[in-house]
Amino acid sequence: MCDLKKIRWKTIKRQMCGVSHLAGNLSLMRFICLACYLKLVCVCPCVCFAVKVMKFNKEQAAPDVSQEEHSHTYTATSVPTETGFRGSSTLEEVVEKQADLIEYLKQHNTLLSKRLLNLTAQH
């Protein structure tokens, strides 16, 4: 009789819970695995980004402005700030400065084109 009560109790327990004890453990394991997977999916990109930032900071790369651009004779202070202002310079000096500026901008354009080609070749 005692065995019959135990069997009935187990049957009632299974019916009330809706799953067997083994199935309950499996669903708990699935839940734990799913939670771990979601954590990995969220954490891995952050860790990868942090590693890339640390590598970039360790390289201590030089600024984008190269020495070639720095050494050019053209400076921003040699250009008058007011439109139409000539000061004591003659027309030939103004034309010469414009020619120097055009030459500088051509060289700068060539340099930027080379950089763009290098970047597109890398990707």
PDB file of N, CA and C in Angstrom:
ATOM      1  N   MET A   1       0.809  -1.186   0.000  1.00  0.00           N
ATOM      2  CA  MET A   1       0.000   0.000   0.000  1.00  0.00           C
ATOM      3  C   MET A   1       0.862   1.264   0.000  1.00  0.00           C
ATOM      4  N   CYS A   2       1.938   1.184   0.725  1.00  0.00           N
ATOM      5  CA  CYS A   2       2.838   2.328   0.803  1.00  0.00           C
ATOM      6  C   CYS A   2       3.455   2.620  -0.551  1.00  0.00           C
ATOM      7  N   ASP A   3       3.797   1.549  -1.296  1.00  0.00           N
ATOM      8  CA  ASP A   3       4.354   1.741  -2.629  1.00  0.00           C
ATOM      9  C   ASP A   3       3.346   2.384  -3.561  1.00  0.00           C
ATOM     10  N   LEU A   4       2.106   2.012  -3.397  1.00  0.00           N
ATOM     11  CA  LEU A   4       1.054   2.580  -4.233  1.00  0.00           C
ATOM     12  C   LEU A   4       0.900   4.074  -3.971  1.00  0.00           C
ATOM     13  N   LYS A   5       1.015   4.505  -2.721  1.00  0.00           N
ATOM     14  CA  LYS A   5       0.919   5.925  -2.396  1.00  0.00           C
ATOM     15  C   LYS A   5       2.097   6.696  -3.004  1.00  0.00           C
ATOM     16  N   LYS A   6       3.293   6.077  -2.955  1.00  0.00           N
ATOM     17  CA  LYS A   6       4.460   6.734  -3.535  1.00  0.00           C
ATOM     18  C   LYS A   6       4.306   6.917  -5.039  1.00  0.00           C
ATOM     19  N   ILE A   7       3.786   5.867  -5.693  1.00  0.00           N
ATOM     20  CA  ILE A   7       3.584   5.938  -7.142  1.00  0.00           C
ATOM     21  C   ILE A   7       2.546   6.993  -7.473  1.00  0.00           C
ATOM     22  N   ARG A   8       1.450   7.035  -6.713  1.00  0.00           N
ATOM     23  CA  ARG A   8       0.411   8.040  -6.956  1.00  0.00           C
ATOM     24  C   ARG A   8       0.976   9.448  -6.735  1.00  0.00           C
ATOM     25  N   TRP A   9       1.768   9.616  -5.670  1.00  0.00           N
ATOM     26  CA  TRP A   9       2.354  10.933  -5.375  1.00  0.00           C
ATOM     27  C   TRP A   9       3.264  11.385  -6.509  1.00  0.00           C
ATOM     28  N   LYS A  10       4.087  10.457  -7.029  1.00  0.00           N
ATOM     29  CA  LYS A  10       4.969  10.799  -8.139  1.00  0.00           C
ATOM     30  C   LYS A  10       4.163  11.154  -9.381  1.00  0.00           C
ATOM     31  N   THR A  11       3.080  10.405  -9.622  1.00  0.00           N
ATOM     32  CA  THR A  11       2.242  10.684 -10.786  1.00  0.00           C
ATOM     33  C   THR A  11       1.581  12.055 -10.649  1.00  0.00           C
ATOM     34  N   ILE A  12       1.076  12.357  -9.473  1.00  0.00           N
ATOM     35  CA  ILE A  12       0.432  13.656  -9.236  1.00  0.00           C
ATOM     36  C   ILE A  12       1.467  14.775  -9.383  1.00  0.00           C
ATOM     37  N   LYS A  13       2.643  14.541  -8.848  1.00  0.00           N
ATOM     38  CA  LYS A  13       3.702  15.552  -8.933  1.00  0.00           C
ATOM     39  C   LYS A  13       4.072  15.825 -10.389  1.00  0.00           C
ATOM     40  N   ARG A  14       4.194  14.771 -11.184  1.00  0.00           N
ATOM     41  CA  ARG A  14       4.508  14.941 -12.607  1.00  0.00           C
ATOM     42  C   ARG A  14       3.405  15.683 -13.334  1.00  0.00           C
ATOM     43  N   GLN A  15       2.166  15.360 -13.009  1.00  0.00           N
ATOM     44  CA  GLN A  15       1.034  16.013 -13.675  1.00  0.00           C
ATOM     45  C   GLN A  15       0.951  17.492 -13.300  1.00  0.00           C
ATOM     46  N   MET A  16       1.239  17.822 -12.058  1.00  0.00           N
ATOM     47  CA  MET A  16       1.157  19.216 -11.615  1.00  0.00           C
ATOM     48  C   MET A  16       2.303  20.051 -12.193  1.00  0.00           C
ATOM     49  N   CYS A  17       3.475  19.475 -12.205  1.00  0.00           N
ATOM     50  CA  CYS A  17       4.634  20.219 -12.723  1.00  0.00           C
ATOM     51  C   CYS A  17       4.643  20.237 -14.239  1.00  0.00           C
ATOM     52  N   GLY A  18       4.050  19.255 -14.850  1.00  0.00           N
ATOM     53  CA  GLY A  18       3.972  19.216 -16.297  1.00  0.00           C
ATOM     54  C   GLY A  18       5.169  18.576 -16.964  1.00  0.00           C
ATOM     55  N   VAL A  19       6.246  18.343 -16.242  1.00  0.00           N
ATOM     56  CA  VAL A  19       7.427  17.709 -16.797  1.00  0.00           C
ATOM     57  C   VAL A  19       7.972  16.719 -15.793  1.00  0.00           C
ATOM     58  N   SER A  20       8.694  15.786 -16.278  1.00  0.00           N
ATOM     59  CA  SER A  20       9.336  14.844 -15.372  1.00  0.00           C
ATOM     60  C   SER A  20      10.575  15.491 -14.770  1.00  0.00           C
ATOM     61  N   HIS A  21      11.143  14.877 -13.774  1.00  0.00           N
ATOM     62  CA  HIS A  21      12.330  15.415 -13.110  1.00  0.00           C
ATOM     63  C   HIS A  21      13.509  15.503 -14.079  1.00  0.00           C
ATOM     64  N   LEU A  22      13.667  14.501 -14.924  1.00  0.00           N
ATOM     65  CA  LEU A  22      14.744  14.490 -15.899  1.00  0.00           C
ATOM     66  C   LEU A  22      14.556  15.595 -16.931  1.00  0.00           C
ATOM     67  N   ALA A  23      13.338  15.761 -17.393  1.00  0.00           N
ATOM     68  CA  ALA A  23      13.066  16.822 -18.371  1.00  0.00           C
ATOM     69  C   ALA A  23      13.286  18.195 -17.748  1.00  0.00           C
ATOM     70  N   GLY A  24      12.978  18.354 -16.468  1.00  0.00           N
ATOM     71  CA  GLY A  24      13.219  19.619 -15.775  1.00  0.00           C
ATOM     72  C   GLY A  24      14.698  19.941 -15.712  1.00  0.00           C
ATOM     73  N   ASN A  25      15.532  18.932 -15.483  1.00  0.00           N
ATOM     74  CA  ASN A  25      16.981  19.139 -15.463  1.00  0.00           C
ATOM     75  C   ASN A  25      17.497  19.520 -16.841  1.00  0.00           C
ATOM     76  N   LEU A  26      16.942  18.889 -17.885  1.00  0.00           N
ATOM     77  CA  LEU A  26      17.379  19.213 -19.242  1.00  0.00           C
ATOM     78  C   LEU A  26      17.018  20.645 -19.612  1.00  0.00           C
ATOM     79  N   SER A  27      15.816  21.061 -19.246  1.00  0.00           N
ATOM     80  CA  SER A  27      15.439  22.427 -19.591  1.00  0.00           C
ATOM     81  C   SER A  27      16.280  23.430 -18.803  1.00  0.00           C
ATOM     82  N   LEU A  28      16.666  23.094 -17.574  1.00  0.00           N
ATOM     83  CA  LEU A  28      17.539  23.959 -16.798  1.00  0.00           C
ATOM     84  C   LEU A  28      18.914  24.043 -17.454  1.00  0.00           C
ATOM     85  N   MET A  29      19.410  22.909 -17.925  1.00  0.00           N
ATOM     86  CA  MET A  29      20.699  22.893 -18.620  1.00  0.00           C
ATOM     87  C   MET A  29      20.638  23.716 -19.905  1.00  0.00           C
ATOM     88  N   ARG A  30      19.538  23.600 -20.628  1.00  0.00           N
ATOM     89  CA  ARG A  30      19.382  24.391 -21.850  1.00  0.00           C
ATOM     90  C   ARG A  30      19.363  25.876 -21.529  1.00  0.00           C
ATOM     91  N   PHE A  31      18.679  26.233 -20.456  1.00  0.00           N
ATOM     92  CA  PHE A  31      18.615  27.627 -20.049  1.00  0.00           C
ATOM     93  C   PHE A  31      20.006  28.148 -19.695  1.00  0.00           C
ATOM     94  N   ILE A  32      20.767  27.364 -18.953  1.00  0.00           N
ATOM     95  CA  ILE A  32      22.119  27.774 -18.565  1.00  0.00           C
ATOM     96  C   ILE A  32      23.006  27.919 -19.803  1.00  0.00           C
ATOM     97  N   CYS A  33      22.916  26.963 -20.724  1.00  0.00           N
ATOM     98  CA  CYS A  33      23.707  27.041 -21.957  1.00  0.00           C
ATOM     99  C   CYS A  33      23.311  28.258 -22.786  1.00  0.00           C
ATOM    100  N   LEU A  34      22.021  28.517 -22.872  1.00  0.00           N
ATOM    101  CA  LEU A  34      21.549  29.679 -23.621  1.00  0.00           C
ATOM    102  C   LEU A  34      22.053  30.976 -22.980  1.00  0.00           C
ATOM    103  N   ALA A  35      22.017  31.053 -21.665  1.00  0.00           N
ATOM    104  CA  ALA A  35      22.500  32.250 -20.972  1.00  0.00           C
ATOM    105  C   ALA A  35      23.997  32.446 -21.212  1.00  0.00           C
ATOM    106  N   CYS A  36      24.769  31.356 -21.148  1.00  0.00           N
ATOM    107  CA  CYS A  36      26.212  31.457 -21.405  1.00  0.00           C
ATOM    108  C   CYS A  36      26.478  31.884 -22.843  1.00  0.00           C
ATOM    109  N   TYR A  37      25.724  31.343 -23.778  1.00  0.00           N
ATOM    110  CA  TYR A  37      25.893  31.700 -25.187  1.00  0.00           C
ATOM    111  C   TYR A  37      25.586  33.180 -25.399  1.00  0.00           C
ATOM    112  N   LEU A  38      24.508  33.666 -24.816  1.00  0.00           N
ATOM    113  CA  LEU A  38      24.150  35.080 -24.964  1.00  0.00           C
ATOM    114  C   LEU A  38      25.218  35.986 -24.353  1.00  0.00           C
ATOM    115  N   LYS A  39      25.783  35.583 -23.233  1.00  0.00           N
ATOM    116  CA  LYS A  39      26.854  36.372 -22.631  1.00  0.00           C
ATOM    117  C   LYS A  39      28.060  36.425 -23.554  1.00  0.00           C
ATOM    118  N   LEU A  40      28.406  35.288 -24.144  1.00  0.00           N
ATOM    119  CA  LEU A  40      29.549  35.263 -25.058  1.00  0.00           C
ATOM    120  C   LEU A  40      29.306  36.136 -26.275  1.00  0.00           C
ATOM    121  N   VAL A  41      28.092  36.080 -26.801  1.00  0.00           N
ATOM    122  CA  VAL A  41      27.757  36.877 -27.987  1.00  0.00           C
ATOM    123  C   VAL A  41      27.865  38.367 -27.670  1.00  0.00           C
ATOM    124  N   CYS A  42      27.497  38.742 -26.471  1.00  0.00           N
ATOM    125  CA  CYS A  42      27.559  40.156 -26.093  1.00  0.00           C
ATOM    126  C   CYS A  42      28.967  40.591 -25.697  1.00  0.00           C
ATOM    127  N   VAL A  43      29.726  39.717 -25.067  1.00  0.00           N
ATOM    128  CA  VAL A  43      31.026  40.095 -24.524  1.00  0.00           C
ATOM    129  C   VAL A  43      32.136  40.026 -25.572  1.00  0.00           C
ATOM    130  N   CYS A  44      32.090  39.055 -26.470  1.00  0.00           N
ATOM    131  CA  CYS A  44      33.178  38.858 -27.435  1.00  0.00           C
ATOM    132  C   CYS A  44      33.452  40.096 -28.297  1.00  0.00           C
ATOM    133  N   PRO A  45      32.453  40.739 -28.879  1.00  0.00           N
ATOM    134  CA  PRO A  45      32.763  41.951 -29.661  1.00  0.00           C
ATOM    135  C   PRO A  45      33.405  43.052 -28.814  1.00  0.00           C
ATOM    136  N   CYS A  46      32.970  43.184 -27.570  1.00  0.00           N
ATOM    137  CA  CYS A  46      33.558  44.207 -26.699  1.00  0.00           C
ATOM    138  C   CYS A  46      35.017  43.886 -26.402  1.00  0.00           C
ATOM    139  N   VAL A  47      35.317  42.621 -26.152  1.00  0.00           N
ATOM    140  CA  VAL A  47      36.692  42.221 -25.873  1.00  0.00           C
ATOM    141  C   VAL A  47      37.556  42.425 -27.117  1.00  0.00           C
ATOM    142  N   CYS A  48      37.042  42.046 -28.283  1.00  0.00           N
ATOM    143  CA  CYS A  48      37.800  42.232 -29.527  1.00  0.00           C
ATOM    144  C   CYS A  48      38.100  43.707 -29.768  1.00  0.00           C
ATOM    145  N   PHE A  49      37.121  44.559 -29.525  1.00  0.00           N
ATOM    146  CA  PHE A  49      37.325  45.994 -29.707  1.00  0.00           C
ATOM    147  C   PHE A  49      38.370  46.510 -28.720  1.00  0.00           C
ATOM    148  N   ALA A  50      38.311  46.057 -27.477  1.00  0.00           N
ATOM    149  CA  ALA A  50      39.280  46.495 -26.476  1.00  0.00           C
ATOM    150  C   ALA A  50      40.696  46.069 -26.860  1.00  0.00           C
ATOM    151  N   VAL A  51      40.841  44.866 -27.408  1.00  0.00           N
ATOM    152  CA  VAL A  51      42.162  44.392 -27.838  1.00  0.00           C
ATOM    153  C   VAL A  51      42.686  45.250 -28.985  1.00  0.00           C
ATOM    154  N   LYS A  52      41.823  45.579 -29.947  1.00  0.00           N
ATOM    155  CA  LYS A  52      42.248  46.424 -31.067  1.00  0.00           C
ATOM    156  C   LYS A  52      42.673  47.808 -30.581  1.00  0.00           C
ATOM    157  N   VAL A  53      41.943  48.367 -29.623  1.00  0.00           N
ATOM    158  CA  VAL A  53      42.284  49.685 -29.086  1.00  0.00           C
ATOM    159  C   VAL A  53      43.620  49.632 -28.363  1.00  0.00           C
ATOM    160  N   MET A  54      43.855  48.568 -27.594  1.00  0.00           N
ATOM    161  CA  MET A  54      45.129  48.443 -26.884  1.00  0.00           C
ATOM    162  C   MET A  54      46.287  48.309 -27.862  1.00  0.00           C
ATOM    163  N   LYS A  55      46.108  47.537 -28.946  1.00  0.00           N
ATOM    164  CA  LYS A  55      47.165  47.405 -29.954  1.00  0.00           C
ATOM    165  C   LYS A  55      47.446  48.753 -30.618  1.00  0.00           C
ATOM    166  N   PHE A  56      46.376  49.475 -30.942  1.00  0.00           N
ATOM    167  CA  PHE A  56      46.535  50.783 -31.578  1.00  0.00           C
ATOM    168  C   PHE A  56      47.283  51.743 -30.661  1.00  0.00           C
ATOM    169  N   ASN A  57      46.940  51.735 -29.388  1.00  0.00           N
ATOM    170  CA  ASN A  57      47.598  52.627 -28.441  1.00  0.00           C
ATOM    171  C   ASN A  57      49.058  52.243 -28.215  1.00  0.00           C
ATOM    172  N   LYS A  58      49.385  50.954 -28.268  1.00  0.00           N
ATOM    173  CA  LYS A  58      50.768  50.519 -28.101  1.00  0.00           C
ATOM    174  C   LYS A  58      51.633  50.942 -29.281  1.00  0.00           C
ATOM    175  N   GLU A  59      51.055  50.994 -30.484  1.00  0.00           N
ATOM    176  CA  GLU A  59      51.819  51.380 -31.671  1.00  0.00           C
ATOM    177  C   GLU A  59      52.279  52.831 -31.602  1.00  0.00           C
ATOM    178  N   GLN A  60      51.524  53.675 -30.966  1.00  0.00           N
ATOM    179  CA  GLN A  60      51.811  55.109 -30.879  1.00  0.00           C
ATOM    180  C   GLN A  60      52.179  55.658 -32.250  1.00  0.00           C
ATOM    181  N   ALA A  61      51.285  55.488 -33.176  1.00  0.00           N
ATOM    182  CA  ALA A  61      51.512  55.912 -34.553  1.00  0.00           C
ATOM    183  C   ALA A  61      51.697  57.423 -34.633  1.00  0.00           C
ATOM    184  N   ALA A  62      52.499  57.813 -35.590  1.00  0.00           N
ATOM    185  CA  ALA A  62      52.728  59.239 -35.831  1.00  0.00           C
ATOM    186  C   ALA A  62      51.452  59.871 -36.372  1.00  0.00           C
ATOM    187  N   PRO A  63      51.320  61.165 -36.246  1.00  0.00           N
ATOM    188  CA  PRO A  63      50.141  61.837 -36.792  1.00  0.00           C
ATOM    189  C   PRO A  63      50.034  61.637 -38.301  1.00  0.00           C
ATOM    190  N   ASP A  64      48.844  61.855 -38.830  1.00  0.00           N
ATOM    191  CA  ASP A  64      48.611  61.647 -40.250  1.00  0.00           C
ATOM    192  C   ASP A  64      49.409  62.597 -41.128  1.00  0.00           C
ATOM    193  N   VAL A  65      49.779  63.741 -40.588  1.00  0.00           N
ATOM    194  CA  VAL A  65      50.533  64.708 -41.371  1.00  0.00           C
ATOM    195  C   VAL A  65      51.953  64.184 -41.515  1.00  0.00           C
ATOM    196  N   SER A  66      52.368  63.935 -42.724  1.00  0.00           N
ATOM    197  CA  SER A  66      53.707  63.385 -42.954  1.00  0.00           C
ATOM    198  C   SER A  66      54.745  64.498 -42.968  1.00  0.00           C
ATOM    199  N   GLN A  67      56.015  64.108 -42.912  1.00  0.00           N
ATOM    200  CA  GLN A  67      57.097  65.077 -42.927  1.00  0.00           C
ATOM    201  C   GLN A  67      57.139  65.841 -44.248  1.00  0.00           C
ATOM    202  N   GLU A  68      56.749  65.174 -45.336  1.00  0.00           N
ATOM    203  CA  GLU A  68      56.750  65.833 -46.640  1.00  0.00           C
ATOM    204  C   GLU A  68      55.796  67.014 -46.647  1.00  0.00           C
ATOM    205  N   GLU A  69      54.635  66.841 -46.020  1.00  0.00           N
ATOM    206  CA  GLU A  69      53.677  67.935 -45.965  1.00  0.00           C
ATOM    207  C   GLU A  69      54.181  69.044 -45.052  1.00  0.00           C
ATOM    208  N   HIS A  70      54.871  68.673 -43.980  1.00  0.00           N
ATOM    209  CA  HIS A  70      55.384  69.666 -43.041  1.00  0.00           C
ATOM    210  C   HIS A  70      56.502  70.505 -43.639  1.00  0.00           C
ATOM    211  N   SER A  71      57.346  69.911 -44.452  1.00  0.00           N
ATOM    212  CA  SER A  71      58.531  70.595 -44.937  1.00  0.00           C
ATOM    213  C   SER A  71      58.259  71.546 -46.096  1.00  0.00           C
ATOM    214  N   HIS A  72      57.056  71.530 -46.631  1.00  0.00           N
ATOM    215  CA  HIS A  72      56.759  72.411 -47.760  1.00  0.00           C
ATOM    216  C   HIS A  72      56.818  73.864 -47.323  1.00  0.00           C
ATOM    217  N   THR A  73      57.252  74.734 -48.213  1.00  0.00           N
ATOM    218  CA  THR A  73      57.476  76.140 -47.868  1.00  0.00           C
ATOM    219  C   THR A  73      56.196  76.916 -47.628  1.00  0.00           C
ATOM    220  N   TYR A  74      55.070  76.419 -48.124  1.00  0.00           N
ATOM    221  CA  TYR A  74      53.822  77.146 -47.967  1.00  0.00           C
ATOM    222  C   TYR A  74      53.346  77.062 -46.529  1.00  0.00           C
ATOM    223  N   THR A  75      52.968  78.181 -45.970  1.00  0.00           N
ATOM    224  CA  THR A  75      52.355  78.204 -44.642  1.00  0.00           C
ATOM    225  C   THR A  75      51.084  79.011 -44.708  1.00  0.00           C
ATOM    226  N   ALA A  76      50.206  78.750 -43.770  1.00  0.00           N
ATOM    227  CA  ALA A  76      48.922  79.446 -43.775  1.00  0.00           C
ATOM    228  C   ALA A  76      49.089  80.917 -43.424  1.00  0.00           C
ATOM    229  N   THR A  77      50.177  81.284 -42.755  1.00  0.00           N
ATOM    230  CA  THR A  77      50.351  82.680 -42.350  1.00  0.00           C
ATOM    231  C   THR A  77      50.796  83.565 -43.498  1.00  0.00           C
ATOM    232  N   SER A  78      51.272  82.978 -44.603  1.00  0.00           N
ATOM    233  CA  SER A  78      51.727  83.803 -45.713  1.00  0.00           C
ATOM    234  C   SER A  78      50.568  84.302 -46.568  1.00  0.00           C
ATOM    235  N   VAL A  79      49.376  83.810 -46.334  1.00  0.00           N
ATOM    236  CA  VAL A  79      48.208  84.234 -47.104  1.00  0.00           C
ATOM    237  C   VAL A  79      47.518  85.365 -46.346  1.00  0.00           C
ATOM    238  N   PRO A  80      47.220  86.456 -47.003  1.00  0.00           N
ATOM    239  CA  PRO A  80      46.514  87.544 -46.316  1.00  0.00           C
ATOM    240  C   PRO A  80      45.132  87.083 -45.855  1.00  0.00           C
ATOM    241  N   THR A  81      44.708  87.636 -44.739  1.00  0.00           N
ATOM    242  CA  THR A  81      43.429  87.205 -44.184  1.00  0.00           C
ATOM    243  C   THR A  81      42.261  88.010 -44.741  1.00  0.00           C
ATOM    244  N   GLU A  82      42.496  89.163 -45.292  1.00  0.00           N
ATOM    245  CA  GLU A  82      41.421  89.972 -45.833  1.00  0.00           C
ATOM    246  C   GLU A  82      41.358  89.816 -47.344  1.00  0.00           C
ATOM    247  N   THR A  83      40.170  89.759 -47.883  1.00  0.00           N
ATOM    248  CA  THR A  83      39.997  89.627 -49.329  1.00  0.00           C
ATOM    249  C   THR A  83      40.414  90.923 -50.006  1.00  0.00           C
ATOM    250  N   GLY A  84      41.266  90.782 -51.016  1.00  0.00           N
ATOM    251  CA  GLY A  84      41.709  91.955 -51.764  1.00  0.00           C
ATOM    252  C   GLY A  84      42.877  92.679 -51.141  1.00  0.00           C
ATOM    253  N   PHE A  85      43.360  92.224 -49.994  1.00  0.00           N
ATOM    254  CA  PHE A  85      44.477  92.899 -49.332  1.00  0.00           C
ATOM    255  C   PHE A  85      45.792  92.468 -49.966  1.00  0.00           C
ATOM    256  N   ARG A  86      46.618  93.419 -50.383  1.00  0.00           N
ATOM    257  CA  ARG A  86      47.907  93.121 -51.013  1.00  0.00           C
ATOM    258  C   ARG A  86      49.080  93.594 -50.172  1.00  0.00           C
ATOM    259  N   GLY A  87      48.921  94.562 -49.381  1.00  0.00           N
ATOM    260  CA  GLY A  87      50.032  95.091 -48.598  1.00  0.00           C
ATOM    261  C   GLY A  87      51.044  95.764 -49.503  1.00  0.00           C
ATOM    262  N   SER A  88      52.305  95.502 -49.242  1.00  0.00           N
ATOM    263  CA  SER A  88      53.351  96.150 -50.031  1.00  0.00           C
ATOM    264  C   SER A  88      53.883  95.236 -51.139  1.00  0.00           C
ATOM    265  N   SER A  89      53.260  94.071 -51.364  1.00  0.00           N
ATOM    266  CA  SER A  89      53.762  93.138 -52.378  1.00  0.00           C
ATOM    267  C   SER A  89      53.321  93.578 -53.774  1.00  0.00           C
ATOM    268  N   THR A  90      54.097  93.185 -54.733  1.00  0.00           N
ATOM    269  CA  THR A  90      53.770  93.513 -56.116  1.00  0.00           C
ATOM    270  C   THR A  90      52.923  92.405 -56.709  1.00  0.00           C
ATOM    271  N   LEU A  91      52.406  92.641 -57.884  1.00  0.00           N
ATOM    272  CA  LEU A  91      51.554  91.677 -58.554  1.00  0.00           C
ATOM    273  C   LEU A  91      52.312  90.386 -58.855  1.00  0.00           C
ATOM    274  N   GLU A  92      53.599  90.494 -59.170  1.00  0.00           N
ATOM    275  CA  GLU A  92      54.398  89.294 -59.463  1.00  0.00           C
ATOM    276  C   GLU A  92      54.530  88.393 -58.235  1.00  0.00           C
ATOM    277  N   GLU A  93      54.671  89.010 -57.052  1.00  0.00           N
ATOM    278  CA  GLU A  93      54.781  88.213 -55.831  1.00  0.00           C
ATOM    279  C   GLU A  93      53.475  87.475 -55.532  1.00  0.00           C
ATOM    280  N   VAL A  94      52.364  88.127 -55.777  1.00  0.00           N
ATOM    281  CA  VAL A  94      51.065  87.498 -55.557  1.00  0.00           C
ATOM    282  C   VAL A  94      50.889  86.315 -56.501  1.00  0.00           C
ATOM    283  N   VAL A  95      51.248  86.523 -57.773  1.00  0.00           N
ATOM    284  CA  VAL A  95      51.130  85.436 -58.746  1.00  0.00           C
ATOM    285  C   VAL A  95      52.071  84.294 -58.373  1.00  0.00           C
ATOM    286  N   GLU A  96      53.276  84.626 -57.889  1.00  0.00           N
ATOM    287  CA  GLU A  96      54.229  83.590 -57.487  1.00  0.00           C
ATOM    288  C   GLU A  96      53.699  82.795 -56.293  1.00  0.00           C
ATOM    289  N   LYS A  97      53.093  83.488 -55.340  1.00  0.00           N
ATOM    290  CA  LYS A  97      52.511  82.795 -54.178  1.00  0.00           C
ATOM    291  C   LYS A  97      51.357  81.886 -54.607  1.00  0.00           C
ATOM    292  N   GLN A  98      50.563  82.364 -55.543  1.00  0.00           N
ATOM    293  CA  GLN A  98      49.464  81.536 -56.035  1.00  0.00           C
ATOM    294  C   GLN A  98      49.997  80.302 -56.757  1.00  0.00           C
ATOM    295  N   ALA A  99      51.062  80.463 -57.525  1.00  0.00           N
ATOM    296  CA  ALA A  99      51.658  79.324 -58.217  1.00  0.00           C
ATOM    297  C   ALA A  99      52.224  78.328 -57.209  1.00  0.00           C
ATOM    298  N   ASP A 100      52.871  78.834 -56.150  1.00  0.00           N
ATOM    299  CA  ASP A 100      53.376  77.951 -55.101  1.00  0.00           C
ATOM    300  C   ASP A 100      52.241  77.198 -54.414  1.00  0.00           C
ATOM    301  N   LEU A 101      51.163  77.913 -54.166  1.00  0.00           N
ATOM    302  CA  LEU A 101      50.005  77.285 -53.528  1.00  0.00           C
ATOM    303  C   LEU A 101      49.393  76.212 -54.429  1.00  0.00           C
ATOM    304  N   ILE A 102      49.287  76.498 -55.712  1.00  0.00           N
ATOM    305  CA  ILE A 102      48.753  75.514 -56.668  1.00  0.00           C
ATOM    306  C   ILE A 102      49.650  74.289 -56.706  1.00  0.00           C
ATOM    307  N   GLU A 103      50.963  74.488 -56.724  1.00  0.00           N
ATOM    308  CA  GLU A 103      51.909  73.366 -56.733  1.00  0.00           C
ATOM    309  C   GLU A 103      51.779  72.536 -55.455  1.00  0.00           C
ATOM    310  N   TYR A 104      51.678  73.207 -54.331  1.00  0.00           N
ATOM    311  CA  TYR A 104      51.499  72.506 -53.053  1.00  0.00           C
ATOM    312  C   TYR A 104      50.218  71.683 -53.060  1.00  0.00           C
ATOM    313  N   LEU A 105      49.127  72.283 -53.515  1.00  0.00           N
ATOM    314  CA  LEU A 105      47.848  71.573 -53.522  1.00  0.00           C
ATOM    315  C   LEU A 105      47.865  70.374 -54.473  1.00  0.00           C
ATOM    316  N   LYS A 106      48.591  70.499 -55.592  1.00  0.00           N
ATOM    317  CA  LYS A 106      48.740  69.354 -56.509  1.00  0.00           C
ATOM    318  C   LYS A 106      49.494  68.220 -55.821  1.00  0.00           C
ATOM    319  N   GLN A 107      50.598  68.561 -55.139  1.00  0.00           N
ATOM    320  CA  GLN A 107      51.371  67.538 -54.423  1.00  0.00           C
ATOM    321  C   GLN A 107      50.538  66.892 -53.322  1.00  0.00           C
ATOM    322  N   HIS A 108      49.795  67.719 -52.606  1.00  0.00           N
ATOM    323  CA  HIS A 108      48.940  67.207 -51.540  1.00  0.00           C
ATOM    324  C   HIS A 108      47.853  66.289 -52.104  1.00  0.00           C
ATOM    325  N   ASN A 109      47.282  66.661 -53.227  1.00  0.00           N
ATOM    326  CA  ASN A 109      46.264  65.844 -53.890  1.00  0.00           C
ATOM    327  C   ASN A 109      46.852  64.500 -54.318  1.00  0.00           C
ATOM    328  N   THR A 110      48.072  64.527 -54.863  1.00  0.00           N
ATOM    329  CA  THR A 110      48.742  63.286 -55.267  1.00  0.00           C
ATOM    330  C   THR A 110      48.985  62.388 -54.060  1.00  0.00           C
ATOM    331  N   LEU A 111      49.448  62.990 -52.965  1.00  0.00           N
ATOM    332  CA  LEU A 111      49.697  62.226 -51.749  1.00  0.00           C
ATOM    333  C   LEU A 111      48.406  61.596 -51.217  1.00  0.00           C
ATOM    334  N   LEU A 112      47.333  62.359 -51.192  1.00  0.00           N
ATOM    335  CA  LEU A 112      46.051  61.827 -50.717  1.00  0.00           C
ATOM    336  C   LEU A 112      45.530  60.730 -51.641  1.00  0.00           C
ATOM    337  N   SER A 113      45.748  60.866 -52.934  1.00  0.00           N
ATOM    338  CA  SER A 113      45.343  59.825 -53.879  1.00  0.00           C
ATOM    339  C   SER A 113      46.091  58.529 -53.617  1.00  0.00           C
ATOM    340  N   LYS A 114      47.402  58.645 -53.330  1.00  0.00           N
ATOM    341  CA  LYS A 114      48.202  57.460 -53.016  1.00  0.00           C
ATOM    342  C   LYS A 114      47.709  56.795 -51.741  1.00  0.00           C
ATOM    343  N   ARG A 115      47.412  57.599 -50.730  1.00  0.00           N
ATOM    344  CA  ARG A 115      46.885  57.044 -49.474  1.00  0.00           C
ATOM    345  C   ARG A 115      45.560  56.326 -49.709  1.00  0.00           C
ATOM    346  N   LEU A 116      44.703  56.932 -50.519  1.00  0.00           N
ATOM    347  CA  LEU A 116      43.408  56.315 -50.808  1.00  0.00           C
ATOM    348  C   LEU A 116      43.585  54.997 -51.537  1.00  0.00           C
ATOM    349  N   LEU A 117      44.499  54.940 -52.484  1.00  0.00           N
ATOM    350  CA  LEU A 117      44.767  53.693 -53.195  1.00  0.00           C
ATOM    351  C   LEU A 117      45.306  52.616 -52.238  1.00  0.00           C
ATOM    352  N   ASN A 118      46.192  53.020 -51.332  1.00  0.00           N
ATOM    353  CA  ASN A 118      46.722  52.070 -50.352  1.00  0.00           C
ATOM    354  C   ASN A 118      45.623  51.533 -49.442  1.00  0.00           C
ATOM    355  N   LEU A 119      44.745  52.414 -48.999  1.00  0.00           N
ATOM    356  CA  LEU A 119      43.656  51.977 -48.116  1.00  0.00           C
ATOM    357  C   LEU A 119      42.683  51.054 -48.827  1.00  0.00           C
ATOM    358  N   THR A 120      42.362  51.371 -50.086  1.00  0.00           N
ATOM    359  CA  THR A 120      41.438  50.512 -50.815  1.00  0.00           C
ATOM    360  C   THR A 120      42.097  49.174 -51.168  1.00  0.00           C
ATOM    361  N   ALA A 121      43.414  49.184 -51.346  1.00  0.00           N
ATOM    362  CA  ALA A 121      44.112  47.909 -51.623  1.00  0.00           C
ATOM    363  C   ALA A 121      44.158  47.032 -50.389  1.00  0.00           C
ATOM    364  N   GLN A 122      44.210  47.633 -49.212  1.00  0.00           N
ATOM    365  CA  GLN A 122      44.247  46.860 -47.969  1.00  0.00           C
ATOM    366  C   GLN A 122      42.905  46.207 -47.680  1.00  0.00           C
ATOM    367  N   HIS A 123      41.823  46.850 -48.049  1.00  0.00           N
ATOM    368  CA  HIS A 123      40.497  46.308 -47.746  1.00  0.00           C
ATOM    369  C   HIS A 123      39.977  45.671 -48.965  1.00  0.00           C
TER     370      HIS A 123
END
